[in-house]
Amino acid sequence: MKDYDVIVIGSGSGMNIIQTAVSHGMKAALVDYGPVGGTCLNVGCIPSKMLIAGADRIMEIREAVKFGIDAEIKSIDFNRLMEEMRQETVPQHEEILRNLKSQNDFDFYDGDAHFVRPYELKIGDEHISGKRIFIASGSRPFIPKQFRDYEFLTNETLLDLKTLPKKIVIIGGGFIAVEYAHFFSAMGSKVTIVQKNNKLVPHEDPEISKILEEELSKRMTIYTGAEVKKLSSLGCVLQDGTVIECHTSKIIIAVGRMSNADRLQVENSGIETDERGFIKVDNSLETSKENIFAFGDAIGKAMFTHAANQESAYAWHNAMHDHKIPFEFLKVPHAVYTWPQIASVGLTENKAGNAVRVGKAKYSDVAKGSALREKKGFAKCIIKDNKLMGFHLIGPYAPMLIQEAVNAMGKNITEIANSMHIHPSMSEVMQKAVEKAS
């Protein structure tokens, strides 16, 4: 059995740990069953945003009429868009794999691994042990039992499509569901969303959820508060007996994610998981087993690449130092690349309690918003004791605008209120929201 100073499971954000361990002269091992590069590169952020960028251009052309522009889309080459996406991601994955197999700085184990006891893993016929273990094993789509015998797509398998489906039914209404609903609708598919919750993107500010549903409903059919109990030859059968015709449609299941921790058999190591199977960690990202840390999708908290990368730095520090630095999940921002775009950080108004001030500014409250003919977009800030506790946007450029709030989270609101903002620009809506806080 080979012994290591550091073992890392997962080659997405886990690569940050490996590189740091090597730079410190440690004996290290990386374990990954593939595809190497992690979720973001292979089936997440990169391929989805390459596709959605095309959908955004289509929507801009379709909405040009509000500027008095009569534009026409003559054709959409769906297969070209899909191929360009694959040509971007597949070579990167292959290059990472070649580099991992040819490097000499650490040992790379390309295969399934599982714990056989604390600090010991088995990969094939090999056993390895580590003084410190970092788990960044990621997640995969959760598929309810009632759907598993039916033909369906996930956010991963839909990337292999060669032709555009005429009809698509998306089961789920979270981030992945609304992003791909936007994409396929823009491409020309007839899209239906069936969401169990009463709201789309239910973790967002309620006003944002409402506007998103209103806007997407102009392009597709949306059922909220509707649970699909089964799929049959008739179609999607809801809990009230309603049947949605979907046997001529492609079905996309996007009802959530599940941790890959089960594949690692973490229970053999004494690592505790929650009721959903995600690895439990404390605020230093250490598991219930000393010197075993976990981060990223495996823990199910902030399932975004930027969060995982930041968590990896905290996990490394806390593993190597007595002074622990807690990771503040409340300060993790996120964006939803649907149409209109959404961005958020911190507390929402309905979760902030009573002792807060709320400021809301419409995009049209600032000159640039008026120039964009943007009537529904808005920015909302949540303030407590004169400190910024949350910021939420829906509308054009929301993912870019949120960065100012990210930088100011937990700080005095004068960071935004008194700083100079270019005029006219959409960044002024951030300042305007703070000014309106009451």
Protein backbone atom coordinates (compact mmCIF):
# COMPACT_ATOMS: atom_id res chain seq x y z
CA MET A 1 0.00 0.00 0.00
CA LYS A 2 1.27 3.45 -0.95
CA ASP A 3 1.16 6.16 1.71
CA TYR A 4 0.68 9.83 0.85
CA ASP A 5 0.75 13.15 2.64
CA VAL A 6 -2.27 14.27 0.64
CA ILE A 7 -4.91 12.42 -1.36
CA VAL A 8 -7.38 14.40 -3.48
CA ILE A 9 -10.54 12.83 -4.88
CA GLY A 10 -11.82 14.75 -7.88
CA SER A 11 -10.04 16.68 -10.64
CA GLY A 12 -12.29 19.74 -10.86
CA SER A 13 -11.63 22.15 -8.00
CA GLY A 14 -9.58 19.35 -6.45
CA MET A 15 -6.77 20.28 -8.83
CA ASN A 16 -6.22 23.41 -6.73
CA ILE A 17 -5.32 21.21 -3.76
CA ILE A 18 -3.01 18.95 -5.76
CA GLN A 19 -1.08 21.87 -7.22
CA THR A 20 -0.69 23.46 -3.79
CA ALA A 21 0.42 20.17 -2.21
CA VAL A 22 3.04 19.65 -4.92
CA SER A 23 4.30 23.22 -4.52
CA HIS A 24 4.86 22.44 -0.83
CA GLY A 25 6.93 19.35 -1.68
CA MET A 26 4.34 16.88 -0.42
CA LYS A 27 3.81 13.35 -1.67
CA ALA A 28 0.40 13.56 -3.27
CA ALA A 29 -2.11 11.48 -5.19
CA LEU A 30 -5.09 12.44 -7.33
CA VAL A 31 -7.98 10.02 -7.79
CA ASP A 32 -10.68 10.51 -10.44
CA TYR A 33 -12.99 8.12 -12.29
CA GLY A 34 -13.59 10.75 -14.96
CA PRO A 35 -14.29 12.62 -16.95
CA VAL A 36 -11.31 14.59 -15.70
CA GLY A 37 -11.69 18.34 -15.44
CA GLY A 38 -14.81 18.22 -13.33
CA THR A 39 -18.47 19.03 -13.89
CA CYS A 40 -17.95 22.63 -15.01
CA LEU A 41 -15.77 21.82 -18.00
CA ASN A 42 -17.45 18.63 -19.13
CA VAL A 43 -21.19 18.91 -18.52
CA GLY A 44 -21.78 22.13 -16.59
CA CYS A 45 -20.84 25.79 -16.86
CA ILE A 46 -18.72 25.76 -20.01
CA PRO A 47 -20.86 23.73 -22.44
CA SER A 48 -24.16 25.16 -21.17
CA LYS A 49 -23.02 28.77 -21.45
CA MET A 50 -21.64 28.20 -24.94
CA LEU A 51 -25.10 27.04 -25.97
CA ILE A 52 -26.96 29.74 -24.06
CA ALA A 53 -24.81 32.46 -25.63
CA GLY A 54 -26.41 31.53 -28.96
CA ALA A 55 -29.89 31.60 -27.43
CA ASP A 56 -29.19 35.08 -26.03
CA ARG A 57 -28.30 36.38 -29.49
CA ILE A 58 -31.56 34.98 -30.84
CA MET A 59 -33.59 36.70 -28.12
CA GLU A 60 -31.81 40.00 -28.74
CA ILE A 61 -32.80 39.82 -32.40
CA ARG A 62 -36.38 38.87 -31.57
CA GLU A 63 -36.68 41.75 -29.11
CA ALA A 64 -35.05 44.31 -31.41
CA VAL A 65 -38.56 45.42 -32.35
CA LYS A 66 -38.73 47.45 -29.11
CA PHE A 67 -36.02 49.65 -30.62
CA GLY A 68 -37.95 50.03 -33.87
CA ILE A 69 -35.74 47.47 -35.60
CA ASP A 70 -37.46 44.99 -37.90
CA ALA A 71 -35.06 42.03 -37.81
CA GLU A 72 -35.49 38.50 -39.10
CA ILE A 73 -33.78 35.21 -38.23
CA LYS A 74 -33.55 33.21 -41.44
CA SER A 75 -32.16 30.01 -39.99
CA ILE A 76 -30.64 28.47 -36.88
CA ASP A 77 -27.93 25.83 -37.28
CA PHE A 78 -28.54 23.82 -34.13
CA ASN A 79 -26.08 21.08 -35.02
CA ARG A 80 -23.28 23.58 -35.65
CA LEU A 81 -23.87 25.17 -32.25
CA MET A 82 -23.78 21.76 -30.56
CA GLU A 83 -20.65 20.70 -32.44
CA GLU A 84 -18.81 23.92 -31.61
CA MET A 85 -19.65 23.36 -27.95
CA ARG A 86 -18.26 19.83 -28.07
CA GLN A 87 -15.16 20.95 -29.97
CA GLU A 88 -14.46 23.41 -27.17
CA THR A 89 -14.91 21.04 -24.23
CA VAL A 90 -13.78 17.60 -25.46
CA PRO A 91 -10.23 18.65 -26.50
CA GLN A 92 -9.74 20.38 -23.15
CA HIS A 93 -10.79 17.23 -21.32
CA GLU A 94 -8.46 15.10 -23.47
CA GLU A 95 -5.54 17.47 -22.91
CA ILE A 96 -6.07 17.40 -19.13
CA LEU A 97 -6.11 13.60 -19.19
CA ARG A 98 -2.89 13.46 -21.24
CA ASN A 99 -1.18 15.88 -18.88
CA LEU A 100 -2.28 13.95 -15.81
CA LYS A 101 -0.98 10.67 -17.21
CA SER A 102 2.36 12.13 -18.31
CA GLN A 103 3.28 14.31 -15.31
CA ASN A 104 5.69 13.15 -12.58
CA ASP A 105 4.86 15.52 -9.73
CA PHE A 106 2.15 13.33 -8.18
CA ASP A 107 0.48 9.96 -8.70
CA PHE A 108 -2.70 9.87 -10.75
CA TYR A 109 -5.21 7.07 -10.27
CA ASP A 110 -7.66 6.93 -13.17
CA GLY A 111 -10.54 4.86 -11.87
CA ASP A 112 -13.26 4.30 -9.30
CA ALA A 113 -12.19 4.54 -5.69
CA HIS A 114 -13.90 3.74 -2.43
CA PHE A 115 -12.99 3.85 1.23
CA VAL A 116 -12.24 0.53 2.88
CA ARG A 117 -11.46 2.10 6.26
CA PRO A 118 -10.54 5.57 7.58
CA TYR A 119 -7.79 7.20 5.48
CA GLU A 120 -7.54 4.17 3.17
CA LEU A 121 -8.89 3.89 -0.37
CA LYS A 122 -9.07 1.06 -2.86
CA ILE A 123 -8.79 1.70 -6.61
CA GLY A 124 -8.98 -1.50 -8.59
CA ASP A 125 -6.46 -3.83 -6.96
CA GLU A 126 -4.46 -1.02 -5.36
CA HIS A 127 -4.74 0.36 -1.85
CA ILE A 128 -3.56 3.84 -0.89
CA SER A 129 -3.64 5.80 2.36
CA GLY A 130 -3.34 9.49 3.14
CA LYS A 131 -2.58 11.58 6.18
CA ARG A 132 -4.97 14.19 4.85
CA ILE A 133 -7.73 13.54 2.34
CA PHE A 134 -9.68 16.12 0.36
CA ILE A 135 -12.96 15.05 -1.23
CA ALA A 136 -14.11 17.04 -4.27
CA SER A 137 -16.00 14.21 -5.91
CA GLY A 138 -18.79 16.32 -7.36
CA SER A 139 -22.41 15.47 -8.04
CA ARG A 140 -24.67 13.99 -10.69
CA PRO A 141 -28.33 14.44 -11.73
CA PHE A 142 -30.85 13.03 -9.27
CA ILE A 143 -33.35 10.78 -11.02
CA PRO A 144 -36.50 9.82 -9.06
CA LYS A 145 -37.32 6.11 -9.08
CA GLN A 146 -40.55 6.53 -11.04
CA PHE A 147 -38.63 7.86 -14.05
CA ARG A 148 -35.68 5.48 -14.19
CA ASP A 149 -37.23 2.99 -16.62
CA TYR A 150 -38.26 5.70 -19.06
CA GLU A 151 -36.17 7.28 -21.81
CA PHE A 152 -35.05 10.73 -20.71
CA LEU A 153 -32.29 13.31 -20.99
CA THR A 154 -30.34 15.11 -18.28
CA ASN A 155 -28.19 18.24 -18.42
CA GLU A 156 -25.33 15.83 -19.22
CA THR A 157 -26.83 13.62 -21.94
CA LEU A 158 -28.59 16.44 -23.79
CA LEU A 159 -25.14 17.70 -24.79
CA ASP A 160 -24.96 14.75 -27.20
CA LEU A 161 -28.04 15.81 -29.20
CA LYS A 162 -27.45 16.05 -32.95
CA THR A 163 -30.88 17.34 -33.98
CA LEU A 164 -33.21 19.83 -32.35
CA PRO A 165 -36.22 18.20 -30.69
CA LYS A 166 -39.53 19.63 -31.87
CA LYS A 167 -41.01 19.31 -28.39
CA ILE A 168 -39.38 19.19 -24.97
CA VAL A 169 -40.86 18.63 -21.53
CA ILE A 170 -38.60 19.72 -18.67
CA ILE A 171 -39.41 18.21 -15.29
CA GLY A 172 -38.07 20.64 -12.69
CA GLY A 173 -37.90 24.39 -12.29
CA GLY A 174 -34.50 25.21 -10.80
CA PHE A 175 -31.43 26.82 -12.33
CA ILE A 176 -30.65 24.07 -14.83
CA ALA A 177 -34.28 23.73 -15.89
CA VAL A 178 -34.88 27.40 -16.65
CA GLU A 179 -31.53 27.85 -18.40
CA TYR A 180 -32.19 24.98 -20.79
CA ALA A 181 -35.83 26.00 -21.19
CA HIS A 182 -34.52 29.35 -22.44
CA PHE A 183 -32.02 27.65 -24.74
CA PHE A 184 -34.34 25.15 -26.40
CA SER A 185 -37.18 27.64 -26.72
CA ALA A 186 -34.86 30.10 -28.47
CA MET A 187 -33.68 27.34 -30.79
CA GLY A 188 -37.27 26.65 -31.82
CA SER A 189 -38.44 23.75 -29.64
CA LYS A 190 -41.91 23.84 -28.12
CA VAL A 191 -41.05 23.77 -24.41
CA THR A 192 -43.14 22.75 -21.41
CA ILE A 193 -41.89 23.10 -17.82
CA VAL A 194 -43.45 21.03 -15.04
CA GLN A 195 -42.34 22.31 -11.64
CA LYS A 196 -43.31 20.64 -8.33
CA ASN A 197 -42.73 23.82 -6.33
CA ASN A 198 -45.23 26.68 -6.61
CA LYS A 199 -42.46 28.90 -8.01
CA LEU A 200 -39.71 28.66 -10.57
CA VAL A 201 -36.24 29.08 -9.06
CA PRO A 202 -37.82 28.99 -5.59
CA HIS A 203 -34.65 29.99 -3.73
CA GLU A 204 -34.61 33.37 -5.45
CA ASP A 205 -36.32 36.53 -4.24
CA PRO A 206 -40.08 35.91 -4.71
CA GLU A 207 -40.46 38.95 -6.97
CA ILE A 208 -37.71 37.61 -9.20
CA SER A 209 -39.37 34.19 -9.41
CA LYS A 210 -42.66 35.86 -10.37
CA ILE A 211 -41.15 38.01 -13.13
CA LEU A 212 -39.17 35.09 -14.53
CA GLU A 213 -42.30 32.96 -14.79
CA GLU A 214 -44.20 35.81 -16.45
CA GLU A 215 -41.46 36.32 -19.03
CA LEU A 216 -40.83 32.65 -19.80
CA SER A 217 -44.59 32.02 -20.06
CA LYS A 218 -44.60 34.24 -23.14
CA ARG A 219 -42.46 31.62 -24.90
CA MET A 220 -43.45 28.28 -23.33
CA THR A 221 -46.03 26.44 -21.23
CA ILE A 222 -45.33 26.36 -17.50
CA TYR A 223 -47.01 24.27 -14.82
CA THR A 224 -46.07 25.16 -11.23
CA GLY A 225 -47.25 23.30 -8.14
CA ALA A 226 -47.47 20.27 -10.43
CA GLU A 227 -45.75 17.01 -9.58
CA VAL A 228 -45.19 14.33 -12.22
CA LYS A 229 -46.15 11.08 -10.53
CA LYS A 230 -45.25 8.87 -13.47
CA LEU A 231 -44.40 8.72 -17.14
CA SER A 232 -46.52 6.47 -19.32
CA SER A 233 -47.50 5.87 -22.93
CA LEU A 234 -50.08 8.61 -22.44
CA GLY A 235 -47.61 11.19 -21.25
CA CYS A 236 -46.64 12.89 -17.99
CA VAL A 237 -49.26 12.06 -15.39
CA LEU A 238 -49.57 14.70 -12.66
CA GLN A 239 -50.66 14.16 -9.07
CA ASP A 240 -54.17 15.44 -9.82
CA GLY A 241 -54.59 13.09 -12.77
CA THR A 242 -53.84 15.71 -15.43
CA VAL A 243 -51.99 14.22 -18.38
CA ILE A 244 -49.44 16.30 -20.29
CA GLU A 245 -48.86 14.83 -23.72
CA CYS A 246 -45.15 14.12 -23.94
CA HIS A 247 -44.67 10.78 -25.69
CA THR A 248 -43.63 12.65 -28.85
CA SER A 249 -41.33 14.91 -26.85
CA LYS A 250 -37.88 14.64 -25.39
CA ILE A 251 -38.03 14.55 -21.60
CA ILE A 252 -35.38 16.42 -19.61
CA ILE A 253 -35.23 15.60 -15.90
CA ALA A 254 -33.78 18.46 -13.90
CA VAL A 255 -35.17 17.99 -10.40
CA GLY A 256 -31.93 18.33 -8.48
CA ARG A 257 -28.49 16.89 -7.88
CA MET A 258 -27.10 14.10 -5.75
CA SER A 259 -23.64 13.77 -4.27
CA ASN A 260 -21.16 11.26 -5.66
CA ALA A 261 -20.19 10.44 -2.07
CA ASP A 262 -22.13 7.18 -2.29
CA ARG A 263 -19.73 5.91 -4.95
CA LEU A 264 -16.88 6.45 -2.48
CA GLN A 265 -18.62 4.43 0.25
CA VAL A 266 -17.69 7.20 2.68
CA GLU A 267 -19.48 5.40 5.50
CA ASN A 268 -16.50 3.00 5.66
CA SER A 269 -14.35 5.94 6.70
CA GLY A 270 -16.62 7.26 9.42
CA ILE A 271 -17.64 10.26 7.31
CA GLU A 272 -21.20 11.32 7.99
CA THR A 273 -23.68 12.32 5.28
CA ASP A 274 -27.01 14.11 5.49
CA GLU A 275 -30.43 12.71 4.56
CA ARG A 276 -29.79 13.56 0.89
CA GLY A 277 -26.40 11.83 0.81
CA PHE A 278 -24.25 14.97 0.81
CA ILE A 279 -21.14 14.94 3.00
CA LYS A 280 -21.52 16.83 6.27
CA VAL A 281 -18.82 19.40 7.01
CA ASP A 282 -18.30 22.01 9.71
CA ASN A 283 -17.64 25.66 8.91
CA SER A 284 -13.96 24.86 8.32
CA LEU A 285 -15.03 22.29 5.68
CA GLU A 286 -13.77 19.37 7.77
CA THR A 287 -15.89 16.22 7.78
CA SER A 288 -16.84 14.21 10.85
CA LYS A 289 -13.50 12.44 10.42
CA GLU A 290 -10.44 14.43 11.45
CA ASN A 291 -8.11 15.46 8.61
CA ILE A 292 -10.64 14.58 5.92
CA PHE A 293 -12.08 17.66 4.24
CA ALA A 294 -14.79 17.99 1.61
CA PHE A 295 -15.96 20.82 -0.63
CA GLY A 296 -17.75 21.61 -3.88
CA ASP A 297 -20.83 19.75 -5.03
CA ALA A 298 -20.01 16.80 -2.77
CA ILE A 299 -21.27 18.78 0.23
CA GLY A 300 -24.36 20.18 -1.52
CA LYS A 301 -24.19 23.72 -0.15
CA ALA A 302 -23.22 26.25 -2.82
CA MET A 303 -23.03 24.13 -5.96
CA PHE A 304 -21.11 26.54 -8.16
CA THR A 305 -17.57 26.32 -9.55
CA HIS A 306 -16.50 29.65 -8.11
CA ALA A 307 -17.68 28.49 -4.68
CA ALA A 308 -15.81 25.19 -4.97
CA ASN A 309 -12.60 26.95 -5.99
CA GLN A 310 -12.83 29.31 -3.02
CA GLU A 311 -13.72 26.43 -0.69
CA SER A 312 -10.64 24.52 -1.82
CA ALA A 313 -8.42 27.37 -0.60
CA TYR A 314 -10.18 27.42 2.77
CA ALA A 315 -10.03 23.63 3.08
CA TRP A 316 -6.28 23.66 2.41
CA HIS A 317 -5.64 26.40 4.95
CA ASN A 318 -7.77 24.75 7.62
CA ALA A 319 -6.12 21.38 7.03
CA MET A 320 -2.63 22.82 7.43
CA HIS A 321 -3.10 25.38 10.22
CA ASP A 322 -4.38 25.30 13.77
CA HIS A 323 -6.15 28.62 13.27
CA LYS A 324 -9.29 27.77 11.29
CA ILE A 325 -11.01 30.24 8.96
CA PRO A 326 -14.76 29.65 8.60
CA PHE A 327 -16.20 29.64 5.11
CA GLU A 328 -19.09 32.10 4.76
CA PHE A 329 -21.65 30.51 2.44
CA LEU A 330 -23.91 33.54 2.74
CA LYS A 331 -21.41 35.53 0.69
CA VAL A 332 -21.41 33.12 -2.27
CA PRO A 333 -23.00 34.80 -5.32
CA HIS A 334 -24.67 33.04 -8.19
CA ALA A 335 -26.14 33.80 -11.59
CA VAL A 336 -28.88 32.12 -13.60
CA TYR A 337 -28.36 32.49 -17.34
CA THR A 338 -31.97 32.30 -18.38
CA TRP A 339 -33.84 35.14 -20.12
CA PRO A 340 -34.08 37.53 -18.31
CA GLN A 341 -30.83 36.92 -16.44
CA ILE A 342 -30.74 36.64 -12.66
CA ALA A 343 -27.99 37.26 -10.12
CA SER A 344 -28.05 37.08 -6.35
CA VAL A 345 -25.91 37.14 -3.23
CA GLY A 346 -26.80 36.92 0.46
CA LEU A 347 -30.20 37.03 2.15
CA THR A 348 -33.46 37.47 0.30
CA GLU A 349 -36.11 39.81 1.65
CA ASN A 350 -38.41 37.01 2.82
CA LYS A 351 -35.59 35.35 4.79
CA ALA A 352 -33.99 38.46 6.27
CA GLY A 353 -36.47 39.05 9.11
CA ASN A 354 -37.99 42.33 10.24
CA ALA A 355 -34.98 44.36 11.36
CA VAL A 356 -33.85 45.17 7.83
CA ARG A 357 -34.19 47.93 5.29
CA VAL A 358 -35.02 47.08 1.70
CA GLY A 359 -34.16 49.20 -1.30
CA LYS A 360 -35.51 48.48 -4.76
CA ALA A 361 -34.76 50.26 -8.02
CA LYS A 362 -36.16 49.43 -11.42
CA TYR A 363 -33.79 49.31 -14.34
CA SER A 364 -35.89 52.11 -15.82
CA ASP A 365 -35.04 54.31 -12.81
CA VAL A 366 -31.62 54.94 -14.36
CA ALA A 367 -30.88 56.41 -17.77
CA LYS A 368 -29.16 53.35 -19.21
CA GLY A 369 -32.09 51.13 -18.20
CA SER A 370 -34.44 53.45 -20.05
CA ALA A 371 -32.14 53.35 -23.05
CA LEU A 372 -32.37 49.55 -23.00
CA ARG A 373 -36.20 49.81 -22.97
CA GLU A 374 -36.07 47.56 -19.91
CA LYS A 375 -39.39 47.78 -18.07
CA LYS A 376 -39.42 44.80 -15.69
CA GLY A 377 -35.83 44.40 -14.53
CA PHE A 378 -34.91 45.57 -11.06
CA ALA A 379 -32.26 45.54 -8.34
CA LYS A 380 -33.08 44.96 -4.67
CA CYS A 381 -30.79 45.35 -1.68
CA ILE A 382 -31.22 44.06 1.89
CA ILE A 383 -29.59 46.18 4.59
CA LYS A 384 -29.22 45.56 8.32
CA ASP A 385 -27.43 47.88 10.76
CA ASN A 386 -26.26 49.84 7.72
CA LYS A 387 -24.48 46.76 6.36
CA LEU A 388 -25.28 45.04 3.09
CA MET A 389 -26.81 41.60 3.74
CA GLY A 390 -28.09 40.74 0.28
CA PHE A 391 -28.53 41.96 -3.28
CA HIS A 392 -30.74 40.55 -6.02
CA LEU A 393 -31.17 41.45 -9.68
CA ILE A 394 -33.20 40.35 -12.66
CA GLY A 395 -32.56 41.83 -16.08
CA PRO A 396 -29.77 42.45 -18.60
CA TYR A 397 -26.19 42.19 -17.30
CA ALA A 398 -27.32 40.98 -13.85
CA PRO A 399 -24.35 38.56 -13.50
CA MET A 400 -21.92 41.43 -14.09
CA LEU A 401 -23.72 43.99 -11.95
CA ILE A 402 -23.82 41.71 -8.90
CA GLN A 403 -20.04 41.83 -8.49
CA GLU A 404 -20.18 45.25 -6.84
CA ALA A 405 -22.53 43.82 -4.21
CA VAL A 406 -20.30 40.77 -3.73
CA ASN A 407 -17.38 43.06 -2.96
CA ALA A 408 -19.50 45.06 -0.51
CA MET A 409 -21.23 42.16 1.31
CA GLY A 410 -21.16 42.63 5.06
CA LYS A 411 -19.66 46.10 4.73
CA ASN A 412 -21.15 49.53 5.27
CA ILE A 413 -23.50 50.48 2.44
CA THR A 414 -21.49 53.64 1.83
CA GLU A 415 -19.22 51.32 -0.21
CA ILE A 416 -21.94 51.47 -2.86
CA ALA A 417 -23.89 54.61 -1.99
CA ASN A 418 -20.99 57.07 -2.07
CA SER A 419 -18.76 55.54 -4.72
CA MET A 420 -18.69 57.08 -8.18
CA HIS A 421 -20.69 55.25 -10.85
CA ILE A 422 -20.32 55.93 -14.55
CA HIS A 423 -23.28 57.73 -16.13
CA PRO A 424 -25.10 56.48 -18.01
CA SER A 425 -24.47 52.86 -17.08
CA MET A 426 -26.45 50.00 -15.61
CA SER A 427 -24.20 50.01 -12.53
CA GLU A 428 -26.17 53.07 -11.40
CA VAL A 429 -29.13 50.81 -10.61
CA MET A 430 -27.07 49.31 -7.75
CA GLN A 431 -26.50 52.77 -6.28
CA LYS A 432 -30.16 53.70 -6.83
CA ALA A 433 -31.38 50.64 -4.94
CA VAL A 434 -29.22 51.54 -1.93
CA GLU A 435 -30.48 55.13 -2.03
CA LYS A 436 -34.06 53.85 -1.95
CA ALA A 437 -33.53 51.63 1.09
CA SER A 438 -36.00 52.59 3.81
